[in-house]
Amino acid sequence: MKKIFSFTKKKKHGTPDNGSVLSAGYDLKDKDLGKIHKAALQADLAKLRQLVKKNDINQLDKDNRTALHIACASGHVEVVQFLVENKAKLNLCDNQNRSALMKAVQGQHERCVSILLENHAEPNVVDVNGNTALHLAANIPSISTAVLLLQHGAEIDAQNKEGFTPLAVAVREDHMEMAEFLLKESADVNSVDQDQRSLLMLAAGNGQISMVKLLLHFDADITLKDAKGLLADNYAAMNGHHPCSLLIIEHGTQKTNGASASHRGQKTKKRTTLAGSSHDVEAGFSLGGPATDKEDFEDNSQSESLSRLSKSAADEWPSSEEEDESALVDKVGAAHILFRAIF
């Protein structure tokens, strides 16, 4: 089946670049560096001590990088500590609008991250793509770095230019542990991007069934629609990820059954209370009398029909890739129609 929606893990405008160590550093050439930048790169503390006496510690190179940027990208802890103690500005940004903290996060230099945060570096600076340091940590992923950032005021639901939160980045990259960590830290499970696509749509469209289960466990809203009116189970079905689609539908069925059971329980309680009056006994209503009304029956029949349809669809998925794909769409479509009728 042709995949109509795709959330591939490619580098796109508005999303974090690869958060690996390889991409974290700078492409440095000696001829482009001033003396103070070279000393920071080489971790030459003796040279730095001499240079800061007569040179601006916040001197910028042609790409707007400071010695602190270079030291953080390189992971030179002692140099970072020295520069901070000598009043280096912590929040200056390079040509990508990334601070020294962001370079330390990208390089996974946790001690450098800690030094900067302890000295009040701003954790919510945004780069040219709208990403914060927490977006970059989620993209790596580095839970320990994310912990440090959140402890020092990082915004957990900050959105980049695409509308992606750090949690959305973790979902897109299928970083299960990072996603679970952020959810436990109360990240918004129902955040949407610029096209009103939810995290559940993102995971379902990519066939990430474990991620779908995680999001549903944290009460992801299956009724959210994107800018085109599509649901998360549509994303799954139209990309051929039928187990994800059925999982979402079954989740909706269970919630409906739960709501119906709760509704019936309230009615039973009301009838039980009324059964104690002489008027009710005369009218034939007792605890053992008929308790089913039309509304209860309709609730049950709808839920049971959807459950049977979902089970039937699961049993009838083709065992061969050569089976008519349009028939598959019809089966899932029928389930979707009944699902939306109930909701």
C-alpha atoms as a PDB file:
ATOM      1  CA  MET A   1       0.000   0.000   0.000  1.00  0.00           C
ATOM      2  CA  LYS A   2       1.323   3.428  -0.893  1.00  0.00           C
ATOM      3  CA  LYS A   3       2.359   5.431   2.137  1.00  0.00           C
ATOM      4  CA  ILE A   4       0.447   8.697   2.005  1.00  0.00           C
ATOM      5  CA  PHE A   5       1.837  10.169   5.208  1.00  0.00           C
ATOM      6  CA  SER A   6       5.431   9.897   6.248  1.00  0.00           C
ATOM      7  CA  PHE A   7       7.356  11.091   9.272  1.00  0.00           C
ATOM      8  CA  THR A   8      10.830   9.910   8.354  1.00  0.00           C
ATOM      9  CA  LYS A   9      13.780  10.721  10.559  1.00  0.00           C
ATOM     10  CA  LYS A  10      15.510  12.928   8.041  1.00  0.00           C
ATOM     11  CA  LYS A  11      16.977  16.330   8.769  1.00  0.00           C
ATOM     12  CA  LYS A  12      14.427  18.984   7.911  1.00  0.00           C
ATOM     13  CA  HIS A  13      14.134  22.700   8.380  1.00  0.00           C
ATOM     14  CA  GLY A  14      12.813  23.385  11.833  1.00  0.00           C
ATOM     15  CA  THR A  15      13.974  20.157  13.389  1.00  0.00           C
ATOM     16  CA  PRO A  16      17.118  19.542  15.379  1.00  0.00           C
ATOM     17  CA  ASP A  17      20.166  18.430  13.424  1.00  0.00           C
ATOM     18  CA  ASN A  18      21.831  15.213  14.415  1.00  0.00           C
ATOM     19  CA  GLY A  19      22.576  15.541  18.106  1.00  0.00           C
ATOM     20  CA  SER A  20      25.532  13.176  17.968  1.00  0.00           C
ATOM     21  CA  VAL A  21      29.039  14.020  19.077  1.00  0.00           C
ATOM     22  CA  LEU A  22      30.181  14.123  15.458  1.00  0.00           C
ATOM     23  CA  SER A  23      27.848  16.984  14.565  1.00  0.00           C
ATOM     24  CA  ALA A  24      28.295  18.812  17.845  1.00  0.00           C
ATOM     25  CA  GLY A  25      31.748  20.226  17.205  1.00  0.00           C
ATOM     26  CA  TYR A  26      32.844  22.983  14.896  1.00  0.00           C
ATOM     27  CA  ASP A  27      34.749  22.715  11.638  1.00  0.00           C
ATOM     28  CA  LEU A  28      37.730  24.716  12.836  1.00  0.00           C
ATOM     29  CA  LYS A  29      40.710  25.999  10.897  1.00  0.00           C
ATOM     30  CA  ASP A  30      43.688  27.594  12.607  1.00  0.00           C
ATOM     31  CA  LYS A  31      43.766  30.518  10.203  1.00  0.00           C
ATOM     32  CA  ASP A  32      40.209  31.458  11.230  1.00  0.00           C
ATOM     33  CA  LEU A  33      40.943  31.446  14.952  1.00  0.00           C
ATOM     34  CA  GLY A  34      42.294  34.189  17.145  1.00  0.00           C
ATOM     35  CA  LYS A  35      44.831  33.494  19.855  1.00  0.00           C
ATOM     36  CA  ILE A  36      42.266  33.159  22.627  1.00  0.00           C
ATOM     37  CA  HIS A  37      40.161  30.739  20.552  1.00  0.00           C
ATOM     38  CA  LYS A  38      43.224  28.614  19.773  1.00  0.00           C
ATOM     39  CA  ALA A  39      44.190  28.451  23.426  1.00  0.00           C
ATOM     40  CA  ALA A  40      40.644  27.332  24.331  1.00  0.00           C
ATOM     41  CA  LEU A  41      40.682  24.687  21.609  1.00  0.00           C
ATOM     42  CA  GLN A  42      44.039  23.356  22.786  1.00  0.00           C
ATOM     43  CA  ALA A  43      43.006  23.529  26.465  1.00  0.00           C
ATOM     44  CA  ASP A  44      46.105  25.650  27.110  1.00  0.00           C
ATOM     45  CA  LEU A  45      45.232  27.220  30.468  1.00  0.00           C
ATOM     46  CA  ALA A  46      48.619  28.886  30.903  1.00  0.00           C
ATOM     47  CA  LYS A  47      48.224  30.652  27.580  1.00  0.00           C
ATOM     48  CA  LEU A  48      44.647  31.629  28.393  1.00  0.00           C
ATOM     49  CA  ARG A  49      45.671  33.193  31.690  1.00  0.00           C
ATOM     50  CA  GLN A  50      48.104  35.428  29.827  1.00  0.00           C
ATOM     51  CA  LEU A  51      45.705  36.294  27.021  1.00  0.00           C
ATOM     52  CA  VAL A  52      42.722  37.316  29.149  1.00  0.00           C
ATOM     53  CA  LYS A  53      44.840  40.007  30.797  1.00  0.00           C
ATOM     54  CA  LYS A  54      45.108  41.963  27.552  1.00  0.00           C
ATOM     55  CA  ASN A  55      42.350  40.529  25.341  1.00  0.00           C
ATOM     56  CA  ASP A  56      38.575  40.516  25.456  1.00  0.00           C
ATOM     57  CA  ILE A  57      37.515  37.168  26.891  1.00  0.00           C
ATOM     58  CA  ASN A  58      34.292  37.426  24.843  1.00  0.00           C
ATOM     59  CA  GLN A  59      36.067  38.063  21.539  1.00  0.00           C
ATOM     60  CA  LEU A  60      34.117  36.683  18.543  1.00  0.00           C
ATOM     61  CA  ASP A  61      35.509  34.896  15.515  1.00  0.00           C
ATOM     62  CA  LYS A  62      34.046  35.181  12.013  1.00  0.00           C
ATOM     63  CA  ASP A  63      31.239  32.774  12.940  1.00  0.00           C
ATOM     64  CA  ASN A  64      30.389  34.635  16.151  1.00  0.00           C
ATOM     65  CA  ARG A  65      31.926  31.967  18.344  1.00  0.00           C
ATOM     66  CA  THR A  66      33.572  32.791  21.650  1.00  0.00           C
ATOM     67  CA  ALA A  67      36.339  30.905  23.403  1.00  0.00           C
ATOM     68  CA  LEU A  68      33.592  29.510  25.648  1.00  0.00           C
ATOM     69  CA  HIS A  69      31.791  28.080  22.607  1.00  0.00           C
ATOM     70  CA  ILE A  70      34.999  26.356  21.527  1.00  0.00           C
ATOM     71  CA  ALA A  71      35.744  24.985  24.991  1.00  0.00           C
ATOM     72  CA  CYS A  72      32.187  23.657  25.464  1.00  0.00           C
ATOM     73  CA  ALA A  73      32.073  22.033  22.027  1.00  0.00           C
ATOM     74  CA  SER A  74      35.416  20.383  22.804  1.00  0.00           C
ATOM     75  CA  GLY A  75      34.475  19.299  26.325  1.00  0.00           C
ATOM     76  CA  HIS A  76      37.399  21.049  28.018  1.00  0.00           C
ATOM     77  CA  VAL A  77      35.983  21.228  31.548  1.00  0.00           C
ATOM     78  CA  GLU A  78      38.883  23.107  33.152  1.00  0.00           C
ATOM     79  CA  VAL A  79      38.869  25.715  30.393  1.00  0.00           C
ATOM     80  CA  VAL A  80      35.116  26.185  30.744  1.00  0.00           C
ATOM     81  CA  GLN A  81      35.499  26.605  34.499  1.00  0.00           C
ATOM     82  CA  PHE A  82      38.303  29.153  34.016  1.00  0.00           C
ATOM     83  CA  LEU A  83      36.360  31.201  31.458  1.00  0.00           C
ATOM     84  CA  VAL A  84      33.229  31.250  33.616  1.00  0.00           C
ATOM     85  CA  GLU A  85      35.210  32.346  36.669  1.00  0.00           C
ATOM     86  CA  ASN A  86      36.717  35.161  34.597  1.00  0.00           C
ATOM     87  CA  LYS A  87      33.320  36.570  33.685  1.00  0.00           C
ATOM     88  CA  ALA A  88      32.887  35.150  30.199  1.00  0.00           C
ATOM     89  CA  LYS A  89      29.393  35.914  28.910  1.00  0.00           C
ATOM     90  CA  LEU A  90      27.398  32.702  29.005  1.00  0.00           C
ATOM     91  CA  ASN A  91      24.564  33.408  26.596  1.00  0.00           C
ATOM     92  CA  LEU A  92      26.291  34.783  23.503  1.00  0.00           C
ATOM     93  CA  CYS A  93      25.239  32.896  20.369  1.00  0.00           C
ATOM     94  CA  ASP A  94      27.087  31.761  17.258  1.00  0.00           C
ATOM     95  CA  ASN A  95      25.874  32.015  13.658  1.00  0.00           C
ATOM     96  CA  GLN A  96      23.351  29.232  14.292  1.00  0.00           C
ATOM     97  CA  ASN A  97      22.119  31.180  17.306  1.00  0.00           C
ATOM     98  CA  ARG A  98      23.430  28.475  19.602  1.00  0.00           C
ATOM     99  CA  SER A  99      24.827  29.290  22.998  1.00  0.00           C
ATOM    100  CA  ALA A 100      27.800  27.637  24.670  1.00  0.00           C
ATOM    101  CA  LEU A 101      25.312  25.598  26.712  1.00  0.00           C
ATOM    102  CA  MET A 102      23.740  24.223  23.552  1.00  0.00           C
ATOM    103  CA  LYS A 103      27.152  23.218  22.214  1.00  0.00           C
ATOM    104  CA  ALA A 104      27.937  21.445  25.484  1.00  0.00           C
ATOM    105  CA  VAL A 105      24.590  19.614  25.296  1.00  0.00           C
ATOM    106  CA  GLN A 106      25.184  18.568  21.692  1.00  0.00           C
ATOM    107  CA  GLY A 107      28.638  17.297  22.554  1.00  0.00           C
ATOM    108  CA  GLN A 108      27.235  15.395  25.557  1.00  0.00           C
ATOM    109  CA  HIS A 109      29.742  17.116  27.813  1.00  0.00           C
ATOM    110  CA  GLU A 110      27.642  16.885  30.947  1.00  0.00           C
ATOM    111  CA  ARG A 111      30.120  18.460  33.336  1.00  0.00           C
ATOM    112  CA  CYS A 112      30.339  21.515  31.085  1.00  0.00           C
ATOM    113  CA  VAL A 113      26.534  21.657  31.006  1.00  0.00           C
ATOM    114  CA  SER A 114      26.429  21.523  34.793  1.00  0.00           C
ATOM    115  CA  ILE A 115      29.012  24.317  35.227  1.00  0.00           C
ATOM    116  CA  LEU A 116      27.106  26.626  32.887  1.00  0.00           C
ATOM    117  CA  LEU A 117      23.719  25.968  34.475  1.00  0.00           C
ATOM    118  CA  GLU A 118      25.093  26.400  37.986  1.00  0.00           C
ATOM    119  CA  ASN A 119      26.328  29.814  36.866  1.00  0.00           C
ATOM    120  CA  HIS A 120      22.914  30.796  35.509  1.00  0.00           C
ATOM    121  CA  ALA A 121      23.278  30.130  31.795  1.00  0.00           C
ATOM    122  CA  GLU A 122      19.885  30.551  30.116  1.00  0.00           C
ATOM    123  CA  PRO A 123      18.438  27.099  29.273  1.00  0.00           C
ATOM    124  CA  ASN A 124      15.722  28.381  26.935  1.00  0.00           C
ATOM    125  CA  VAL A 125      17.787  30.100  24.248  1.00  0.00           C
ATOM    126  CA  VAL A 126      16.454  29.080  20.813  1.00  0.00           C
ATOM    127  CA  ASP A 127      18.577  28.435  17.748  1.00  0.00           C
ATOM    128  CA  VAL A 128      17.774  29.328  14.126  1.00  0.00           C
ATOM    129  CA  ASN A 129      15.314  26.406  13.979  1.00  0.00           C
ATOM    130  CA  GLY A 130      13.595  27.317  17.224  1.00  0.00           C
ATOM    131  CA  ASN A 131      15.179  24.452  19.150  1.00  0.00           C
ATOM    132  CA  THR A 132      16.182  24.755  22.788  1.00  0.00           C
ATOM    133  CA  ALA A 133      18.871  22.820  24.609  1.00  0.00           C
ATOM    134  CA  LEU A 134      16.156  20.391  25.755  1.00  0.00           C
ATOM    135  CA  HIS A 135      15.203  19.682  22.129  1.00  0.00           C
ATOM    136  CA  LEU A 136      18.836  18.822  21.471  1.00  0.00           C
ATOM    137  CA  ALA A 137      19.031  16.589  24.545  1.00  0.00           C
ATOM    138  CA  ALA A 138      15.857  14.763  23.475  1.00  0.00           C
ATOM    139  CA  ASN A 139      17.287  14.244  20.007  1.00  0.00           C
ATOM    140  CA  ILE A 140      20.537  12.612  21.220  1.00  0.00           C
ATOM    141  CA  PRO A 141      18.963  11.258  23.571  1.00  0.00           C
ATOM    142  CA  SER A 142      20.473  12.121  26.961  1.00  0.00           C
ATOM    143  CA  ILE A 143      18.138  11.777  29.920  1.00  0.00           C
ATOM    144  CA  SER A 144      20.788  12.861  32.425  1.00  0.00           C
ATOM    145  CA  THR A 145      21.294  16.115  30.517  1.00  0.00           C
ATOM    146  CA  ALA A 146      17.535  16.602  30.279  1.00  0.00           C
ATOM    147  CA  VAL A 147      17.320  16.216  34.062  1.00  0.00           C
ATOM    148  CA  LEU A 148      19.886  18.989  34.547  1.00  0.00           C
ATOM    149  CA  LEU A 149      18.100  21.296  32.134  1.00  0.00           C
ATOM    150  CA  LEU A 150      14.701  20.779  33.754  1.00  0.00           C
ATOM    151  CA  GLN A 151      16.176  21.334  37.208  1.00  0.00           C
ATOM    152  CA  HIS A 152      17.377  24.737  36.001  1.00  0.00           C
ATOM    153  CA  GLY A 153      14.180  25.970  34.405  1.00  0.00           C
ATOM    154  CA  ALA A 154      14.087  24.514  30.900  1.00  0.00           C
ATOM    155  CA  GLU A 155      10.603  24.729  29.377  1.00  0.00           C
ATOM    156  CA  ILE A 156       9.434  21.165  28.892  1.00  0.00           C
ATOM    157  CA  ASP A 157       6.846  22.011  26.219  1.00  0.00           C
ATOM    158  CA  ALA A 158       8.831  24.614  24.258  1.00  0.00           C
ATOM    159  CA  GLN A 159       7.995  24.391  20.543  1.00  0.00           C
ATOM    160  CA  ASN A 160      10.406  24.844  17.669  1.00  0.00           C
ATOM    161  CA  LYS A 161       9.499  26.377  14.303  1.00  0.00           C
ATOM    162  CA  GLU A 162       7.656  23.226  13.239  1.00  0.00           C
ATOM    163  CA  GLY A 163       5.719  23.159  16.476  1.00  0.00           C
ATOM    164  CA  PHE A 164       7.705  20.196  17.814  1.00  0.00           C
ATOM    165  CA  THR A 165       8.228  19.945  21.564  1.00  0.00           C
ATOM    166  CA  PRO A 166      11.167  17.995  23.038  1.00  0.00           C
ATOM    167  CA  LEU A 167       8.715  15.125  23.566  1.00  0.00           C
ATOM    168  CA  ALA A 168       7.737  15.268  19.887  1.00  0.00           C
ATOM    169  CA  VAL A 169      11.420  15.021  18.967  1.00  0.00           C
ATOM    170  CA  ALA A 170      11.784  11.946  21.191  1.00  0.00           C
ATOM    171  CA  VAL A 171       8.677  10.388  19.629  1.00  0.00           C
ATOM    172  CA  ARG A 172       9.869  11.110  16.094  1.00  0.00           C
ATOM    173  CA  GLU A 173      13.247   9.518  16.800  1.00  0.00           C
ATOM    174  CA  ASP A 174      11.568   6.585  18.609  1.00  0.00           C
ATOM    175  CA  HIS A 175      13.530   7.249  21.791  1.00  0.00           C
ATOM    176  CA  MET A 176      11.266   5.310  24.156  1.00  0.00           C
ATOM    177  CA  GLU A 177      13.097   5.964  27.421  1.00  0.00           C
ATOM    178  CA  MET A 178      13.404   9.680  26.744  1.00  0.00           C
ATOM    179  CA  ALA A 179       9.727   9.895  25.790  1.00  0.00           C
ATOM    180  CA  GLU A 180       8.670   8.052  28.947  1.00  0.00           C
ATOM    181  CA  PHE A 181      10.908  10.285  31.068  1.00  0.00           C
ATOM    182  CA  LEU A 182       9.411  13.471  29.609  1.00  0.00           C
ATOM    183  CA  LEU A 183       5.870  12.140  29.997  1.00  0.00           C
ATOM    184  CA  LYS A 184       6.540  11.336  33.647  1.00  0.00           C
ATOM    185  CA  GLU A 185       7.805  14.914  33.994  1.00  0.00           C
ATOM    186  CA  SER A 186       4.360  16.084  32.792  1.00  0.00           C
ATOM    187  CA  ALA A 187       5.191  16.910  29.178  1.00  0.00           C
ATOM    188  CA  ASP A 188       2.026  17.519  27.154  1.00  0.00           C
ATOM    189  CA  VAL A 189       1.063  14.216  25.522  1.00  0.00           C
ATOM    190  CA  ASN A 190      -1.446  16.024  23.291  1.00  0.00           C
ATOM    191  CA  SER A 191       0.768  18.781  21.904  1.00  0.00           C
ATOM    192  CA  VAL A 192       0.339  19.381  18.164  1.00  0.00           C
ATOM    193  CA  ASP A 193       2.611  20.782  15.480  1.00  0.00           C
ATOM    194  CA  GLN A 194       1.879  23.533  12.953  1.00  0.00           C
ATOM    195  CA  ASP A 195      -0.329  21.165  10.945  1.00  0.00           C
ATOM    196  CA  GLN A 196      -2.250  20.148  14.070  1.00  0.00           C
ATOM    197  CA  ARG A 197      -0.630  16.715  14.023  1.00  0.00           C
ATOM    198  CA  SER A 198      -0.488  15.055  17.421  1.00  0.00           C
ATOM    199  CA  LEU A 199       2.254  12.879  18.851  1.00  0.00           C
ATOM    200  CA  LEU A 200      -0.029   9.867  18.463  1.00  0.00           C
ATOM    201  CA  MET A 201      -0.389  10.643  14.757  1.00  0.00           C
ATOM    202  CA  LEU A 202       3.383  10.916  14.494  1.00  0.00           C
ATOM    203  CA  ALA A 203       3.976   7.523  16.109  1.00  0.00           C
ATOM    204  CA  ALA A 204       1.062   5.807  14.354  1.00  0.00           C
ATOM    205  CA  GLY A 205       2.107   7.141  10.954  1.00  0.00           C
ATOM    206  CA  ASN A 206       5.563   5.639  11.442  1.00  0.00           C
ATOM    207  CA  GLY A 207       4.270   2.301  12.728  1.00  0.00           C
ATOM    208  CA  GLN A 208       5.925   2.747  16.133  1.00  0.00           C
ATOM    209  CA  ILE A 209       3.612   0.401  17.989  1.00  0.00           C
ATOM    210  CA  SER A 210       5.514   0.495  21.304  1.00  0.00           C
ATOM    211  CA  MET A 211       5.466   4.287  21.219  1.00  0.00           C
ATOM    212  CA  VAL A 212       1.740   4.237  20.417  1.00  0.00           C
ATOM    213  CA  LYS A 213       1.159   2.027  23.475  1.00  0.00           C
ATOM    214  CA  LEU A 214       3.200   4.405  25.627  1.00  0.00           C
ATOM    215  CA  LEU A 215       1.272   7.468  24.463  1.00  0.00           C
ATOM    216  CA  LEU A 216      -2.071   5.741  24.989  1.00  0.00           C
ATOM    217  CA  HIS A 217      -0.948   4.726  28.479  1.00  0.00           C
ATOM    218  CA  PHE A 218      -0.409   8.420  29.212  1.00  0.00           C
ATOM    219  CA  ASP A 219      -3.914   9.257  27.919  1.00  0.00           C
ATOM    220  CA  ALA A 220      -3.151  10.513  24.427  1.00  0.00           C
ATOM    221  CA  ASP A 221      -6.370  11.844  22.896  1.00  0.00           C
ATOM    222  CA  ILE A 222      -7.372   9.553  20.017  1.00  0.00           C
ATOM    223  CA  THR A 223     -10.101  11.949  18.857  1.00  0.00           C
ATOM    224  CA  LEU A 224      -7.736  14.791  17.891  1.00  0.00           C
ATOM    225  CA  LYS A 225      -7.822  15.688  14.194  1.00  0.00           C
ATOM    226  CA  ASP A 226      -5.138  17.325  12.102  1.00  0.00           C
ATOM    227  CA  ALA A 227      -5.622  20.292   9.761  1.00  0.00           C
ATOM    228  CA  LYS A 228      -7.137  17.925   7.165  1.00  0.00           C
ATOM    229  CA  GLY A 229      -9.533  16.288   9.598  1.00  0.00           C
ATOM    230  CA  LEU A 230      -7.601  13.033   9.927  1.00  0.00           C
ATOM    231  CA  LEU A 231      -7.330  10.941  13.094  1.00  0.00           C
ATOM    232  CA  ALA A 232      -4.321   9.064  14.441  1.00  0.00           C
ATOM    233  CA  ASP A 233      -5.748   5.720  13.328  1.00  0.00           C
ATOM    234  CA  ASN A 234      -6.100   7.173   9.810  1.00  0.00           C
ATOM    235  CA  TYR A 235      -2.380   7.894   9.782  1.00  0.00           C
ATOM    236  CA  ALA A 236      -1.641   4.308  10.782  1.00  0.00           C
ATOM    237  CA  ALA A 237      -4.047   2.689   8.326  1.00  0.00           C
ATOM    238  CA  MET A 238      -3.083   4.846   5.352  1.00  0.00           C
ATOM    239  CA  ASN A 239       0.579   3.982   5.874  1.00  0.00           C
ATOM    240  CA  GLY A 240      -0.209   0.274   6.144  1.00  0.00           C
ATOM    241  CA  HIS A 241       0.438   0.056   9.884  1.00  0.00           C
ATOM    242  CA  HIS A 242      -2.733  -1.886  10.671  1.00  0.00           C
ATOM    243  CA  PRO A 243      -1.682  -3.186  14.117  1.00  0.00           C
ATOM    244  CA  CYS A 244      -1.262   0.436  15.227  1.00  0.00           C
ATOM    245  CA  SER A 245      -4.628   1.359  13.752  1.00  0.00           C
ATOM    246  CA  LEU A 246      -6.409  -1.508  15.500  1.00  0.00           C
ATOM    247  CA  LEU A 247      -4.629  -0.775  18.768  1.00  0.00           C
ATOM    248  CA  ILE A 248      -5.949   2.791  18.717  1.00  0.00           C
ATOM    249  CA  ILE A 249      -9.468   1.646  17.802  1.00  0.00           C
ATOM    250  CA  GLU A 250      -9.448  -1.000  20.540  1.00  0.00           C
ATOM    251  CA  HIS A 251      -8.296   1.633  23.024  1.00  0.00           C
ATOM    252  CA  GLY A 252     -11.299   3.737  22.045  1.00  0.00           C
ATOM    253  CA  THR A 253     -13.583   0.730  22.445  1.00  0.00           C
ATOM    254  CA  GLN A 254     -12.292   0.046  25.944  1.00  0.00           C
ATOM    255  CA  LYS A 255     -12.790   3.666  26.969  1.00  0.00           C
ATOM    256  CA  THR A 256     -16.327   3.569  25.600  1.00  0.00           C
ATOM    257  CA  ASN A 257     -17.060   0.348  27.475  1.00  0.00           C
ATOM    258  CA  GLY A 258     -15.638   1.864  30.645  1.00  0.00           C
ATOM    259  CA  ALA A 259     -17.770   4.973  30.286  1.00  0.00           C
ATOM    260  CA  SER A 260     -20.865   2.852  29.616  1.00  0.00           C
ATOM    261  CA  ALA A 261     -20.196   0.656  32.659  1.00  0.00           C
ATOM    262  CA  SER A 262     -19.795   3.739  34.831  1.00  0.00           C
ATOM    263  CA  HIS A 263     -23.031   5.168  33.451  1.00  0.00           C
ATOM    264  CA  ARG A 264     -24.884   1.907  34.136  1.00  0.00           C
ATOM    265  CA  GLY A 265     -23.455   1.774  37.652  1.00  0.00           C
ATOM    266  CA  GLN A 266     -24.822   5.229  38.410  1.00  0.00           C
ATOM    267  CA  LYS A 267     -28.277   4.227  37.157  1.00  0.00           C
ATOM    268  CA  THR A 268     -28.251   0.988  39.169  1.00  0.00           C
ATOM    269  CA  LYS A 269     -27.323   2.909  42.295  1.00  0.00           C
ATOM    270  CA  LYS A 270     -30.178   5.328  41.686  1.00  0.00           C
ATOM    271  CA  ARG A 271     -32.672   2.493  41.140  1.00  0.00           C
ATOM    272  CA  THR A 272     -31.462   0.665  44.259  1.00  0.00           C
ATOM    273  CA  THR A 273     -32.078   3.755  46.355  1.00  0.00           C
ATOM    274  CA  LEU A 274     -35.559   4.197  44.935  1.00  0.00           C
ATOM    275  CA  ALA A 275     -36.430   0.535  45.555  1.00  0.00           C
ATOM    276  CA  GLY A 276     -36.715   1.236  49.275  1.00  0.00           C
ATOM    277  CA  SER A 277     -39.880   3.315  48.884  1.00  0.00           C
ATOM    278  CA  SER A 278     -43.382   1.804  49.084  1.00  0.00           C
ATOM    279  CA  HIS A 279     -44.266   3.559  45.812  1.00  0.00           C
ATOM    280  CA  ASP A 280     -41.523   1.686  43.991  1.00  0.00           C
ATOM    281  CA  VAL A 281     -42.621  -1.667  45.425  1.00  0.00           C
ATOM    282  CA  GLU A 282     -46.165  -1.032  44.288  1.00  0.00           C
ATOM    283  CA  ALA A 283     -44.932  -0.109  40.825  1.00  0.00           C
ATOM    284  CA  GLY A 284     -43.011  -3.390  40.587  1.00  0.00           C
ATOM    285  CA  PHE A 285     -39.475  -1.899  40.799  1.00  0.00           C
ATOM    286  CA  SER A 286     -37.337  -3.899  43.200  1.00  0.00           C
ATOM    287  CA  LEU A 287     -33.654  -4.723  43.409  1.00  0.00           C
ATOM    288  CA  GLY A 288     -34.268  -7.919  41.481  1.00  0.00           C
ATOM    289  CA  GLY A 289     -36.558  -6.374  38.880  1.00  0.00           C
ATOM    290  CA  PRO A 290     -35.774  -5.348  35.273  1.00  0.00           C
ATOM    291  CA  ALA A 291     -32.968  -2.805  35.215  1.00  0.00           C
ATOM    292  CA  THR A 292     -32.146  -2.499  31.506  1.00  0.00           C
ATOM    293  CA  ASP A 293     -33.384   0.536  29.603  1.00  0.00           C
ATOM    294  CA  LYS A 294     -33.032   1.500  25.955  1.00  0.00           C
ATOM    295  CA  GLU A 295     -30.048   3.773  26.510  1.00  0.00           C
ATOM    296  CA  ASP A 296     -28.102   1.056  28.309  1.00  0.00           C
ATOM    297  CA  PHE A 297     -28.806  -1.401  25.530  1.00  0.00           C
ATOM    298  CA  GLU A 298     -27.658   1.001  22.844  1.00  0.00           C
ATOM    299  CA  ASP A 299     -24.423   1.679  24.729  1.00  0.00           C
ATOM    300  CA  ASN A 300     -23.730  -2.045  24.997  1.00  0.00           C
ATOM    301  CA  SER A 301     -24.690  -2.896  21.443  1.00  0.00           C
ATOM    302  CA  GLN A 302     -22.544  -0.132  19.962  1.00  0.00           C
ATOM    303  CA  SER A 303     -19.502  -1.106  22.026  1.00  0.00           C
ATOM    304  CA  GLU A 304     -19.952  -4.815  21.346  1.00  0.00           C
ATOM    305  CA  SER A 305     -20.416  -4.176  17.622  1.00  0.00           C
ATOM    306  CA  LEU A 306     -17.209  -2.153  17.460  1.00  0.00           C
ATOM    307  CA  SER A 307     -15.339  -4.796  19.454  1.00  0.00           C
ATOM    308  CA  ARG A 308     -16.555  -7.535  17.101  1.00  0.00           C
ATOM    309  CA  LEU A 309     -15.686  -5.452  14.051  1.00  0.00           C
ATOM    310  CA  SER A 310     -12.213  -4.703  15.416  1.00  0.00           C
ATOM    311  CA  LYS A 311     -11.630  -8.399  16.194  1.00  0.00           C
ATOM    312  CA  SER A 312     -12.937  -9.399  12.796  1.00  0.00           C
ATOM    313  CA  ALA A 313     -10.652  -6.931  11.051  1.00  0.00           C
ATOM    314  CA  ALA A 314      -7.671  -8.227  13.031  1.00  0.00           C
ATOM    315  CA  ASP A 315      -8.496 -11.825  12.072  1.00  0.00           C
ATOM    316  CA  GLU A 316      -8.881 -10.989   8.396  1.00  0.00           C
ATOM    317  CA  TRP A 317      -5.675  -9.070   7.643  1.00  0.00           C
ATOM    318  CA  PRO A 318      -4.042 -10.709   4.605  1.00  0.00           C
ATOM    319  CA  SER A 319      -1.356 -13.317   5.069  1.00  0.00           C
ATOM    320  CA  SER A 320       0.049 -12.469   1.637  1.00  0.00           C
ATOM    321  CA  GLU A 321       1.207  -9.097   0.327  1.00  0.00           C
ATOM    322  CA  GLU A 322      -0.575  -9.918  -2.933  1.00  0.00           C
ATOM    323  CA  GLU A 323      -4.065  -9.693  -1.442  1.00  0.00           C
ATOM    324  CA  ASP A 324      -6.080  -6.770  -2.804  1.00  0.00           C
ATOM    325  CA  GLU A 325      -4.992  -3.649  -0.869  1.00  0.00           C
ATOM    326  CA  SER A 326      -8.316  -1.917  -1.487  1.00  0.00           C
ATOM    327  CA  ALA A 327     -10.024  -4.643   0.517  1.00  0.00           C
ATOM    328  CA  LEU A 328      -7.751  -3.847   3.448  1.00  0.00           C
ATOM    329  CA  VAL A 329      -8.680  -0.192   3.303  1.00  0.00           C
ATOM    330  CA  ASP A 330     -12.379  -1.133   3.207  1.00  0.00           C
ATOM    331  CA  LYS A 331     -11.991  -3.250   6.357  1.00  0.00           C
ATOM    332  CA  VAL A 332     -10.159  -0.594   8.308  1.00  0.00           C
ATOM    333  CA  GLY A 333     -12.471   2.069   6.892  1.00  0.00           C
ATOM    334  CA  ALA A 334     -15.508   0.239   8.216  1.00  0.00           C
ATOM    335  CA  ALA A 335     -13.972   0.145  11.654  1.00  0.00           C
ATOM    336  CA  HIS A 336     -13.179   3.846  11.436  1.00  0.00           C
ATOM    337  CA  ILE A 337     -16.738   4.740  10.426  1.00  0.00           C
ATOM    338  CA  LEU A 338     -18.263   2.884  13.373  1.00  0.00           C
ATOM    339  CA  PHE A 339     -15.580   4.269  15.698  1.00  0.00           C
ATOM    340  CA  ARG A 340     -16.382   7.856  14.702  1.00  0.00           C
ATOM    341  CA  ALA A 341     -20.104   7.187  14.957  1.00  0.00           C
ATOM    342  CA  ILE A 342     -19.657   6.294  18.609  1.00  0.00           C
ATOM    343  CA  PHE A 343     -17.395   9.234  19.346  1.00  0.00           C
END
